[in-house]
Amino acid sequence: MIDKGLSSLRVRAGRKRLLAVHGNRFITHLVLASLPEQFLDERRPLPPDTQGKVSAVTKAAFDAAIAVADAVFPEAYLGSLFKNTARCQTLKKTIDLTPIKAAAA
């Protein structure tokens, strides 16, 4: 579900496309950290309304990640950035999860 949302973002150009390609696991981490626990506890396919919320959270996480990456590491090549654990931790600490979590509500 998250990968499906990211695949639609890969059609963009420039750094946004690079984020969708190279930052996919980082975005997935943000999404899973932001979803309510009951979303993750489902043992059956997610209902359509829940799928829509996951898509909204994915978009919110993507937007937050690109904004922070552009602000904190504006010159960094995103392919290398997401291979660097320390930089990923810096991004994670800098990103405000509140709006991302609000997208799941």
PDB file of N, CA and C in Angstrom:
ATOM      1  N   MET A   1       0.822  -1.184   0.000  1.00  0.00           N
ATOM      2  CA  MET A   1       0.000   0.000   0.000  1.00  0.00           C
ATOM      3  C   MET A   1       0.877   1.262   0.000  1.00  0.00           C
ATOM      4  N   ILE A   2       1.896   1.294   0.838  1.00  0.00           N
ATOM      5  CA  ILE A   2       2.799   2.440   0.894  1.00  0.00           C
ATOM      6  C   ILE A   2       3.603   2.517  -0.401  1.00  0.00           C
ATOM      7  N   ASP A   3       4.078   1.372  -0.879  1.00  0.00           N
ATOM      8  CA  ASP A   3       4.832   1.348  -2.135  1.00  0.00           C
ATOM      9  C   ASP A   3       3.985   1.828  -3.303  1.00  0.00           C
ATOM     10  N   LYS A   4       2.716   1.515  -3.280  1.00  0.00           N
ATOM     11  CA  LYS A   4       1.809   1.964  -4.337  1.00  0.00           C
ATOM     12  C   LYS A   4       1.731   3.485  -4.340  1.00  0.00           C
ATOM     13  N   GLY A   5       1.626   4.065  -3.152  1.00  0.00           N
ATOM     14  CA  GLY A   5       1.598   5.524  -3.042  1.00  0.00           C
ATOM     15  C   GLY A   5       2.898   6.157  -3.499  1.00  0.00           C
ATOM     16  N   LEU A   6       4.007   5.524  -3.148  1.00  0.00           N
ATOM     17  CA  LEU A   6       5.307   6.049  -3.564  1.00  0.00           C
ATOM     18  C   LEU A   6       5.514   5.904  -5.064  1.00  0.00           C
ATOM     19  N   SER A   7       4.981   4.841  -5.656  1.00  0.00           N
ATOM     20  CA  SER A   7       5.174   4.657  -7.097  1.00  0.00           C
ATOM     21  C   SER A   7       4.502   5.774  -7.877  1.00  0.00           C
ATOM     22  N   SER A   8       3.390   6.289  -7.368  1.00  0.00           N
ATOM     23  CA  SER A   8       2.752   7.420  -8.056  1.00  0.00           C
ATOM     24  C   SER A   8       3.576   8.695  -7.906  1.00  0.00           C
ATOM     25  N   LEU A   9       4.384   8.783  -6.844  1.00  0.00           N
ATOM     26  CA  LEU A   9       5.229   9.951  -6.633  1.00  0.00           C
ATOM     27  C   LEU A   9       6.525   9.873  -7.445  1.00  0.00           C
ATOM     28  N   ARG A  10       6.865   8.694  -7.942  1.00  0.00           N
ATOM     29  CA  ARG A  10       8.095   8.524  -8.724  1.00  0.00           C
ATOM     30  C   ARG A  10       8.026   9.189 -10.082  1.00  0.00           C
ATOM     31  N   VAL A  11       6.851   9.554 -10.524  1.00  0.00           N
ATOM     32  CA  VAL A  11       6.721  10.188 -11.836  1.00  0.00           C
ATOM     33  C   VAL A  11       7.159  11.651 -11.795  1.00  0.00           C
ATOM     34  N   ARG A  12       7.332  12.171 -10.622  1.00  0.00           N
ATOM     35  CA  ARG A  12       7.814  13.549 -10.480  1.00  0.00           C
ATOM     36  C   ARG A  12       9.268  13.632 -10.931  1.00  0.00           C
ATOM     37  N   ALA A  13       9.765  14.830 -11.036  1.00  0.00           N
ATOM     38  CA  ALA A  13      11.147  15.028 -11.487  1.00  0.00           C
ATOM     39  C   ALA A  13      12.011  15.564 -10.345  1.00  0.00           C
ATOM     40  N   GLY A  14      13.316  15.514 -10.554  1.00  0.00           N
ATOM     41  CA  GLY A  14      14.262  16.111  -9.625  1.00  0.00           C
ATOM     42  C   GLY A  14      14.369  15.397  -8.299  1.00  0.00           C
ATOM     43  N   ARG A  15      14.551  16.187  -7.247  1.00  0.00           N
ATOM     44  CA  ARG A  15      14.769  15.624  -5.914  1.00  0.00           C
ATOM     45  C   ARG A  15      13.554  14.857  -5.404  1.00  0.00           C
ATOM     46  N   LYS A  16      12.371  15.260  -5.798  1.00  0.00           N
ATOM     47  CA  LYS A  16      11.172  14.543  -5.348  1.00  0.00           C
ATOM     48  C   LYS A  16      11.172  13.121  -5.904  1.00  0.00           C
ATOM     49  N   ARG A  17      11.568  12.966  -7.146  1.00  0.00           N
ATOM     50  CA  ARG A  17      11.650  11.624  -7.720  1.00  0.00           C
ATOM     51  C   ARG A  17      12.718  10.810  -7.002  1.00  0.00           C
ATOM     52  N   LEU A  18      13.869  11.437  -6.734  1.00  0.00           N
ATOM     53  CA  LEU A  18      14.950  10.743  -6.032  1.00  0.00           C
ATOM     54  C   LEU A  18      14.522  10.326  -4.627  1.00  0.00           C
ATOM     55  N   LEU A  19      13.733  11.167  -3.971  1.00  0.00           N
ATOM     56  CA  LEU A  19      13.235  10.798  -2.641  1.00  0.00           C
ATOM     57  C   LEU A  19      12.316   9.587  -2.741  1.00  0.00           C
ATOM     58  N   ALA A  20      11.429   9.580  -3.714  1.00  0.00           N
ATOM     59  CA  ALA A  20      10.508   8.445  -3.868  1.00  0.00           C
ATOM     60  C   ALA A  20      11.258   7.156  -4.170  1.00  0.00           C
ATOM     61  N   VAL A  21      12.367   7.257  -4.901  1.00  0.00           N
ATOM     62  CA  VAL A  21      13.137   6.066  -5.267  1.00  0.00           C
ATOM     63  C   VAL A  21      14.076   5.639  -4.141  1.00  0.00           C
ATOM     64  N   HIS A  22      14.903   6.553  -3.670  1.00  0.00           N
ATOM     65  CA  HIS A  22      15.957   6.204  -2.706  1.00  0.00           C
ATOM     66  C   HIS A  22      15.501   6.288  -1.245  1.00  0.00           C
ATOM     67  N   GLY A  23      14.460   7.052  -0.976  1.00  0.00           N
ATOM     68  CA  GLY A  23      14.001   7.210   0.396  1.00  0.00           C
ATOM     69  C   GLY A  23      12.787   6.361   0.723  1.00  0.00           C
ATOM     70  N   ASN A  24      12.507   5.361  -0.121  1.00  0.00           N
ATOM     71  CA  ASN A  24      11.287   4.574   0.069  1.00  0.00           C
ATOM     72  C   ASN A  24      11.230   3.885   1.432  1.00  0.00           C
ATOM     73  N   ARG A  25      12.326   3.350   1.895  1.00  0.00           N
ATOM     74  CA  ARG A  25      12.309   2.671   3.206  1.00  0.00           C
ATOM     75  C   ARG A  25      12.175   3.673   4.343  1.00  0.00           C
ATOM     76  N   PHE A  26      12.783   4.832   4.183  1.00  0.00           N
ATOM     77  CA  PHE A  26      12.671   5.887   5.186  1.00  0.00           C
ATOM     78  C   PHE A  26      11.220   6.370   5.268  1.00  0.00           C
ATOM     79  N   ILE A  27      10.590   6.595   4.121  1.00  0.00           N
ATOM     80  CA  ILE A  27       9.185   7.018   4.089  1.00  0.00           C
ATOM     81  C   ILE A  27       8.305   5.938   4.720  1.00  0.00           C
ATOM     82  N   THR A  28       8.577   4.674   4.384  1.00  0.00           N
ATOM     83  CA  THR A  28       7.814   3.566   4.968  1.00  0.00           C
ATOM     84  C   THR A  28       7.939   3.585   6.489  1.00  0.00           C
ATOM     85  N   HIS A  29       9.136   3.828   6.985  1.00  0.00           N
ATOM     86  CA  HIS A  29       9.351   3.915   8.435  1.00  0.00           C
ATOM     87  C   HIS A  29       8.507   5.041   9.041  1.00  0.00           C
ATOM     88  N   LEU A  30       8.512   6.210   8.401  1.00  0.00           N
ATOM     89  CA  LEU A  30       7.716   7.327   8.906  1.00  0.00           C
ATOM     90  C   LEU A  30       6.223   6.996   8.913  1.00  0.00           C
ATOM     91  N   VAL A  31       5.765   6.359   7.854  1.00  0.00           N
ATOM     92  CA  VAL A  31       4.351   6.006   7.755  1.00  0.00           C
ATOM     93  C   VAL A  31       3.972   5.020   8.855  1.00  0.00           C
ATOM     94  N   LEU A  32       4.759   3.964   9.006  1.00  0.00           N
ATOM     95  CA  LEU A  32       4.442   2.957  10.020  1.00  0.00           C
ATOM     96  C   LEU A  32       4.526   3.525  11.431  1.00  0.00           C
ATOM     97  N   ALA A  33       5.428   4.478  11.647  1.00  0.00           N
ATOM     98  CA  ALA A  33       5.540   5.116  12.966  1.00  0.00           C
ATOM     99  C   ALA A  33       4.370   6.060  13.229  1.00  0.00           C
ATOM    100  N   SER A  34       3.675   6.484  12.179  1.00  0.00           N
ATOM    101  CA  SER A  34       2.601   7.471  12.320  1.00  0.00           C
ATOM    102  C   SER A  34       1.202   6.877  12.324  1.00  0.00           C
ATOM    103  N   LEU A  35       1.059   5.654  11.851  1.00  0.00           N
ATOM    104  CA  LEU A  35      -0.266   5.035  11.794  1.00  0.00           C
ATOM    105  C   LEU A  35      -0.712   4.566  13.179  1.00  0.00           C
ATOM    106  N   PRO A  36      -2.008   4.648  13.447  1.00  0.00           N
ATOM    107  CA  PRO A  36      -2.512   4.091  14.711  1.00  0.00           C
ATOM    108  C   PRO A  36      -2.252   2.590  14.781  1.00  0.00           C
ATOM    109  N   GLU A  37      -2.091   2.081  15.981  1.00  0.00           N
ATOM    110  CA  GLU A  37      -1.763   0.663  16.158  1.00  0.00           C
ATOM    111  C   GLU A  37      -2.802  -0.266  15.543  1.00  0.00           C
ATOM    112  N   GLN A  38      -4.074   0.112  15.562  1.00  0.00           N
ATOM    113  CA  GLN A  38      -5.091  -0.781  15.008  1.00  0.00           C
ATOM    114  C   GLN A  38      -4.914  -0.985  13.508  1.00  0.00           C
ATOM    115  N   PHE A  39      -4.291  -0.043  12.804  1.00  0.00           N
ATOM    116  CA  PHE A  39      -4.015  -0.238  11.377  1.00  0.00           C
ATOM    117  C   PHE A  39      -3.009  -1.358  11.184  1.00  0.00           C
ATOM    118  N   LEU A  40      -2.052  -1.434  12.086  1.00  0.00           N
ATOM    119  CA  LEU A  40      -0.978  -2.404  11.957  1.00  0.00           C
ATOM    120  C   LEU A  40      -1.367  -3.764  12.503  1.00  0.00           C
ATOM    121  N   ASP A  41      -2.468  -3.818  13.230  1.00  0.00           N
ATOM    122  CA  ASP A  41      -2.892  -5.062  13.855  1.00  0.00           C
ATOM    123  C   ASP A  41      -3.887  -5.840  12.994  1.00  0.00           C
ATOM    124  N   GLU A  42      -4.242  -5.285  11.857  1.00  0.00           N
ATOM    125  CA  GLU A  42      -5.206  -5.938  10.974  1.00  0.00           C
ATOM    126  C   GLU A  42      -4.618  -7.218  10.387  1.00  0.00           C
ATOM    127  N   ARG A  43      -5.405  -8.280  10.402  1.00  0.00           N
ATOM    128  CA  ARG A  43      -4.973  -9.551   9.838  1.00  0.00           C
ATOM    129  C   ARG A  43      -5.671  -9.841   8.507  1.00  0.00           C
ATOM    130  N   ARG A  44      -6.506  -8.923   8.100  1.00  0.00           N
ATOM    131  CA  ARG A  44      -7.223  -9.069   6.839  1.00  0.00           C
ATOM    132  C   ARG A  44      -6.949  -7.817   5.989  1.00  0.00           C
ATOM    133  N   PRO A  45      -7.355  -7.837   4.730  1.00  0.00           N
ATOM    134  CA  PRO A  45      -7.122  -6.650   3.882  1.00  0.00           C
ATOM    135  C   PRO A  45      -7.754  -5.393   4.493  1.00  0.00           C
ATOM    136  N   LEU A  46      -7.075  -4.293   4.322  1.00  0.00           N
ATOM    137  CA  LEU A  46      -7.577  -3.035   4.869  1.00  0.00           C
ATOM    138  C   LEU A  46      -8.813  -2.577   4.103  1.00  0.00           C
ATOM    139  N   PRO A  47      -9.820  -2.068   4.810  1.00  0.00           N
ATOM    140  CA  PRO A  47     -10.991  -1.537   4.124  1.00  0.00           C
ATOM    141  C   PRO A  47     -10.614  -0.298   3.304  1.00  0.00           C
ATOM    142  N   PRO A  48     -11.420   0.052   2.303  1.00  0.00           N
ATOM    143  CA  PRO A  48     -11.094   1.185   1.422  1.00  0.00           C
ATOM    144  C   PRO A  48     -10.839   2.500   2.148  1.00  0.00           C
ATOM    145  N   ASP A  49     -11.615   2.805   3.196  1.00  0.00           N
ATOM    146  CA  ASP A  49     -11.389   4.066   3.909  1.00  0.00           C
ATOM    147  C   ASP A  49     -10.036   4.074   4.612  1.00  0.00           C
ATOM    148  N   THR A  50      -9.624   2.923   5.114  1.00  0.00           N
ATOM    149  CA  THR A  50      -8.312   2.815   5.759  1.00  0.00           C
ATOM    150  C   THR A  50      -7.205   2.914   4.723  1.00  0.00           C
ATOM    151  N   GLN A  51      -7.415   2.335   3.561  1.00  0.00           N
ATOM    152  CA  GLN A  51      -6.428   2.447   2.479  1.00  0.00           C
ATOM    153  C   GLN A  51      -6.223   3.900   2.101  1.00  0.00           C
ATOM    154  N   GLY A  52      -7.302   4.654   2.067  1.00  0.00           N
ATOM    155  CA  GLY A  52      -7.205   6.086   1.760  1.00  0.00           C
ATOM    156  C   GLY A  52      -6.401   6.837   2.805  1.00  0.00           C
ATOM    157  N   LYS A  53      -6.568   6.441   4.070  1.00  0.00           N
ATOM    158  CA  LYS A  53      -5.804   7.083   5.140  1.00  0.00           C
ATOM    159  C   LYS A  53      -4.323   6.749   5.026  1.00  0.00           C
ATOM    160  N   VAL A  54      -3.995   5.514   4.669  1.00  0.00           N
ATOM    161  CA  VAL A  54      -2.590   5.130   4.492  1.00  0.00           C
ATOM    162  C   VAL A  54      -1.983   5.933   3.342  1.00  0.00           C
ATOM    163  N   SER A  55      -2.739   6.123   2.280  1.00  0.00           N
ATOM    164  CA  SER A  55      -2.253   6.936   1.157  1.00  0.00           C
ATOM    165  C   SER A  55      -2.017   8.382   1.583  1.00  0.00           C
ATOM    166  N   ALA A  56      -2.933   8.920   2.391  1.00  0.00           N
ATOM    167  CA  ALA A  56      -2.782  10.298   2.869  1.00  0.00           C
ATOM    168  C   ALA A  56      -1.565  10.430   3.780  1.00  0.00           C
ATOM    169  N   VAL A  57      -1.347   9.441   4.638  1.00  0.00           N
ATOM    170  CA  VAL A  57      -0.179   9.459   5.527  1.00  0.00           C
ATOM    171  C   VAL A  57       1.103   9.336   4.708  1.00  0.00           C
ATOM    172  N   THR A  58       1.089   8.508   3.681  1.00  0.00           N
ATOM    173  CA  THR A  58       2.266   8.362   2.809  1.00  0.00           C
ATOM    174  C   THR A  58       2.605   9.686   2.144  1.00  0.00           C
ATOM    175  N   LYS A  59       1.601  10.382   1.628  1.00  0.00           N
ATOM    176  CA  LYS A  59       1.825  11.685   0.984  1.00  0.00           C
ATOM    177  C   LYS A  59       2.335  12.699   1.996  1.00  0.00           C
ATOM    178  N   ALA A  60       1.758  12.709   3.194  1.00  0.00           N
ATOM    179  CA  ALA A  60       2.203  13.642   4.234  1.00  0.00           C
ATOM    180  C   ALA A  60       3.643  13.356   4.648  1.00  0.00           C
ATOM    181  N   ALA A  61       3.995  12.084   4.782  1.00  0.00           N
ATOM    182  CA  ALA A  61       5.368  11.709   5.142  1.00  0.00           C
ATOM    183  C   ALA A  61       6.334  12.105   4.033  1.00  0.00           C
ATOM    184  N   PHE A  62       5.937  11.892   2.795  1.00  0.00           N
ATOM    185  CA  PHE A  62       6.772  12.284   1.656  1.00  0.00           C
ATOM    186  C   PHE A  62       7.009  13.790   1.664  1.00  0.00           C
ATOM    187  N   ASP A  63       5.945  14.563   1.819  1.00  0.00           N
ATOM    188  CA  ASP A  63       6.066  16.031   1.827  1.00  0.00           C
ATOM    189  C   ASP A  63       6.949  16.513   2.972  1.00  0.00           C
ATOM    190  N   ALA A  64       6.793  15.914   4.147  1.00  0.00           N
ATOM    191  CA  ALA A  64       7.618  16.304   5.295  1.00  0.00           C
ATOM    192  C   ALA A  64       9.082  15.936   5.056  1.00  0.00           C
ATOM    193  N   ALA A  65       9.314  14.758   4.512  1.00  0.00           N
ATOM    194  CA  ALA A  65      10.693  14.307   4.281  1.00  0.00           C
ATOM    195  C   ALA A  65      11.409  15.169   3.254  1.00  0.00           C
ATOM    196  N   ILE A  66      10.733  15.535   2.168  1.00  0.00           N
ATOM    197  CA  ILE A  66      11.407  16.355   1.149  1.00  0.00           C
ATOM    198  C   ILE A  66      11.661  17.763   1.686  1.00  0.00           C
ATOM    199  N   ALA A  67      10.734  18.302   2.466  1.00  0.00           N
ATOM    200  CA  ALA A  67      10.938  19.638   3.037  1.00  0.00           C
ATOM    201  C   ALA A  67      12.143  19.662   3.972  1.00  0.00           C
ATOM    202  N   VAL A  68      12.246  18.656   4.832  1.00  0.00           N
ATOM    203  CA  VAL A  68      13.367  18.609   5.782  1.00  0.00           C
ATOM    204  C   VAL A  68      14.677  18.281   5.067  1.00  0.00           C
ATOM    205  N   ALA A  69      14.647  17.368   4.114  1.00  0.00           N
ATOM    206  CA  ALA A  69      15.865  17.039   3.368  1.00  0.00           C
ATOM    207  C   ALA A  69      16.381  18.262   2.622  1.00  0.00           C
ATOM    208  N   ASP A  70      15.481  19.033   2.039  1.00  0.00           N
ATOM    209  CA  ASP A  70      15.890  20.249   1.327  1.00  0.00           C
ATOM    210  C   ASP A  70      16.434  21.310   2.278  1.00  0.00           C
ATOM    211  N   ALA A  71      15.880  21.366   3.503  1.00  0.00           N
ATOM    212  CA  ALA A  71      16.331  22.365   4.468  1.00  0.00           C
ATOM    213  C   ALA A  71      17.636  21.968   5.155  1.00  0.00           C
ATOM    214  N   VAL A  72      17.752  20.709   5.539  1.00  0.00           N
ATOM    215  CA  VAL A  72      18.900  20.263   6.330  1.00  0.00           C
ATOM    216  C   VAL A  72      20.074  19.817   5.453  1.00  0.00           C
ATOM    217  N   PHE A  73      19.781  19.133   4.367  1.00  0.00           N
ATOM    218  CA  PHE A  73      20.825  18.626   3.465  1.00  0.00           C
ATOM    219  C   PHE A  73      20.548  19.056   2.025  1.00  0.00           C
ATOM    220  N   PRO A  74      20.561  20.375   1.746  1.00  0.00           N
ATOM    221  CA  PRO A  74      20.159  20.851   0.417  1.00  0.00           C
ATOM    222  C   PRO A  74      21.077  20.409  -0.719  1.00  0.00           C
ATOM    223  N   GLU A  75      22.327  20.167  -0.436  1.00  0.00           N
ATOM    224  CA  GLU A  75      23.278  19.792  -1.482  1.00  0.00           C
ATOM    225  C   GLU A  75      23.501  18.289  -1.574  1.00  0.00           C
ATOM    226  N   ALA A  76      22.903  17.532  -0.676  1.00  0.00           N
ATOM    227  CA  ALA A  76      23.159  16.086  -0.621  1.00  0.00           C
ATOM    228  C   ALA A  76      22.453  15.362  -1.759  1.00  0.00           C
ATOM    229  N   TYR A  77      23.147  14.407  -2.339  1.00  0.00           N
ATOM    230  CA  TYR A  77      22.536  13.513  -3.316  1.00  0.00           C
ATOM    231  C   TYR A  77      21.705  12.505  -2.524  1.00  0.00           C
ATOM    232  N   LEU A  78      20.435  12.408  -2.829  1.00  0.00           N
ATOM    233  CA  LEU A  78      19.531  11.616  -1.994  1.00  0.00           C
ATOM    234  C   LEU A  78      19.834  10.117  -2.033  1.00  0.00           C
ATOM    235  N   GLY A  79      20.451   9.649  -3.117  1.00  0.00           N
ATOM    236  CA  GLY A  79      20.844   8.241  -3.166  1.00  0.00           C
ATOM    237  C   GLY A  79      21.849   7.906  -2.080  1.00  0.00           C
ATOM    238  N   SER A  80      22.766   8.825  -1.815  1.00  0.00           N
ATOM    239  CA  SER A  80      23.776   8.627  -0.768  1.00  0.00           C
ATOM    240  C   SER A  80      23.225   8.975   0.616  1.00  0.00           C
ATOM    241  N   LEU A  81      22.367   9.962   0.665  1.00  0.00           N
ATOM    242  CA  LEU A  81      21.826  10.419   1.948  1.00  0.00           C
ATOM    243  C   LEU A  81      21.128   9.287   2.700  1.00  0.00           C
ATOM    244  N   PHE A  82      20.338   8.503   2.009  1.00  0.00           N
ATOM    245  CA  PHE A  82      19.567   7.466   2.687  1.00  0.00           C
ATOM    246  C   PHE A  82      20.367   6.200   2.959  1.00  0.00           C
ATOM    247  N   LYS A  83      21.621   6.179   2.555  1.00  0.00           N
ATOM    248  CA  LYS A  83      22.519   5.082   2.927  1.00  0.00           C
ATOM    249  C   LYS A  83      23.297   5.420   4.194  1.00  0.00           C
ATOM    250  N   ASN A  84      23.186   6.664   4.635  1.00  0.00           N
ATOM    251  CA  ASN A  84      23.926   7.155   5.790  1.00  0.00           C
ATOM    252  C   ASN A  84      23.003   7.159   7.014  1.00  0.00           C
ATOM    253  N   THR A  85      23.244   6.249   7.933  1.00  0.00           N
ATOM    254  CA  THR A  85      22.384   6.089   9.104  1.00  0.00           C
ATOM    255  C   THR A  85      22.321   7.348   9.953  1.00  0.00           C
ATOM    256  N   ALA A  86      23.440   7.998  10.150  1.00  0.00           N
ATOM    257  CA  ALA A  86      23.461   9.205  10.981  1.00  0.00           C
ATOM    258  C   ALA A  86      22.611  10.307  10.358  1.00  0.00           C
ATOM    259  N   ARG A  87      22.689  10.456   9.053  1.00  0.00           N
ATOM    260  CA  ARG A  87      21.874  11.476   8.388  1.00  0.00           C
ATOM    261  C   ARG A  87      20.393  11.119   8.433  1.00  0.00           C
ATOM    262  N   CYS A  88      20.078   9.848   8.301  1.00  0.00           N
ATOM    263  CA  CYS A  88      18.675   9.412   8.410  1.00  0.00           C
ATOM    264  C   CYS A  88      18.137   9.705   9.810  1.00  0.00           C
ATOM    265  N   GLN A  89      18.957   9.482  10.820  1.00  0.00           N
ATOM    266  CA  GLN A  89      18.537   9.776  12.188  1.00  0.00           C
ATOM    267  C   GLN A  89      18.325  11.272  12.374  1.00  0.00           C
ATOM    268  N   THR A  90      19.185  12.084  11.759  1.00  0.00           N
ATOM    269  CA  THR A  90      19.017  13.535  11.824  1.00  0.00           C
ATOM    270  C   THR A  90      17.706  13.944  11.163  1.00  0.00           C
ATOM    271  N   LEU A  91      17.418  13.374   9.999  1.00  0.00           N
ATOM    272  CA  LEU A  91      16.146  13.667   9.336  1.00  0.00           C
ATOM    273  C   LEU A  91      14.967  13.280  10.218  1.00  0.00           C
ATOM    274  N   LYS A  92      15.019  12.095  10.777  1.00  0.00           N
ATOM    275  CA  LYS A  92      13.918  11.592  11.615  1.00  0.00           C
ATOM    276  C   LYS A  92      13.688  12.503  12.818  1.00  0.00           C
ATOM    277  N   LYS A  93      14.765  12.961  13.454  1.00  0.00           N
ATOM    278  CA  LYS A  93      14.636  13.834  14.616  1.00  0.00           C
ATOM    279  C   LYS A  93      14.076  15.206  14.233  1.00  0.00           C
ATOM    280  N   THR A  94      14.354  15.637  13.000  1.00  0.00           N
ATOM    281  CA  THR A  94      13.950  16.961  12.556  1.00  0.00           C
ATOM    282  C   THR A  94      12.505  16.993  12.058  1.00  0.00           C
ATOM    283  N   ILE A  95      12.028  15.881  11.557  1.00  0.00           N
ATOM    284  CA  ILE A  95      10.675  15.828  11.004  1.00  0.00           C
ATOM    285  C   ILE A  95       9.644  15.827  12.130  1.00  0.00           C
ATOM    286  N   ASP A  96       8.666  16.713  12.006  1.00  0.00           N
ATOM    287  CA  ASP A  96       7.559  16.776  12.955  1.00  0.00           C
ATOM    288  C   ASP A  96       6.505  15.761  12.508  1.00  0.00           C
ATOM    289  N   LEU A  97       6.281  14.721  13.308  1.00  0.00           N
ATOM    290  CA  LEU A  97       5.332  13.672  12.949  1.00  0.00           C
ATOM    291  C   LEU A  97       3.876  14.064  13.181  1.00  0.00           C
ATOM    292  N   THR A  98       3.643  15.173  13.852  1.00  0.00           N
ATOM    293  CA  THR A  98       2.261  15.575  14.184  1.00  0.00           C
ATOM    294  C   THR A  98       1.374  15.707  12.947  1.00  0.00           C
ATOM    295  N   PRO A  99       1.798  16.456  11.898  1.00  0.00           N
ATOM    296  CA  PRO A  99       0.915  16.536  10.725  1.00  0.00           C
ATOM    297  C   PRO A  99       0.768  15.208   9.991  1.00  0.00           C
ATOM    298  N   ILE A 100       1.786  14.374  10.068  1.00  0.00           N
ATOM    299  CA  ILE A 100       1.714  13.064   9.424  1.00  0.00           C
ATOM    300  C   ILE A 100       0.694  12.204  10.148  1.00  0.00           C
ATOM    301  N   LYS A 101       0.743  12.212  11.479  1.00  0.00           N
ATOM    302  CA  LYS A 101      -0.231  11.463  12.267  1.00  0.00           C
ATOM    303  C   LYS A 101      -1.642  12.007  12.079  1.00  0.00           C
ATOM    304  N   ALA A 102      -1.760  13.320  11.897  1.00  0.00           N
ATOM    305  CA  ALA A 102      -3.080  13.932  11.682  1.00  0.00           C
ATOM    306  C   ALA A 102      -3.718  13.434  10.390  1.00  0.00           C
ATOM    307  N   ALA A 103      -2.901  13.085   9.405  1.00  0.00           N
ATOM    308  CA  ALA A 103      -3.434  12.566   8.138  1.00  0.00           C
ATOM    309  C   ALA A 103      -4.103  11.212   8.316  1.00  0.00           C
ATOM    310  N   ALA A 104      -3.760  10.502   9.384  1.00  0.00           N
ATOM    311  CA  ALA A 104      -4.359   9.183   9.641  1.00  0.00           C
ATOM    312  C   ALA A 104      -5.672   9.291  10.407  1.00  0.00           C
ATOM    313  N   ALA A 105      -5.937  10.462  10.934  1.00  0.00           N
ATOM    314  CA  ALA A 105      -7.156  10.623  11.758  1.00  0.00           C
ATOM    315  C   ALA A 105      -8.406  10.722  10.912  1.00  0.00           C
TER     316      ALA A 105
END
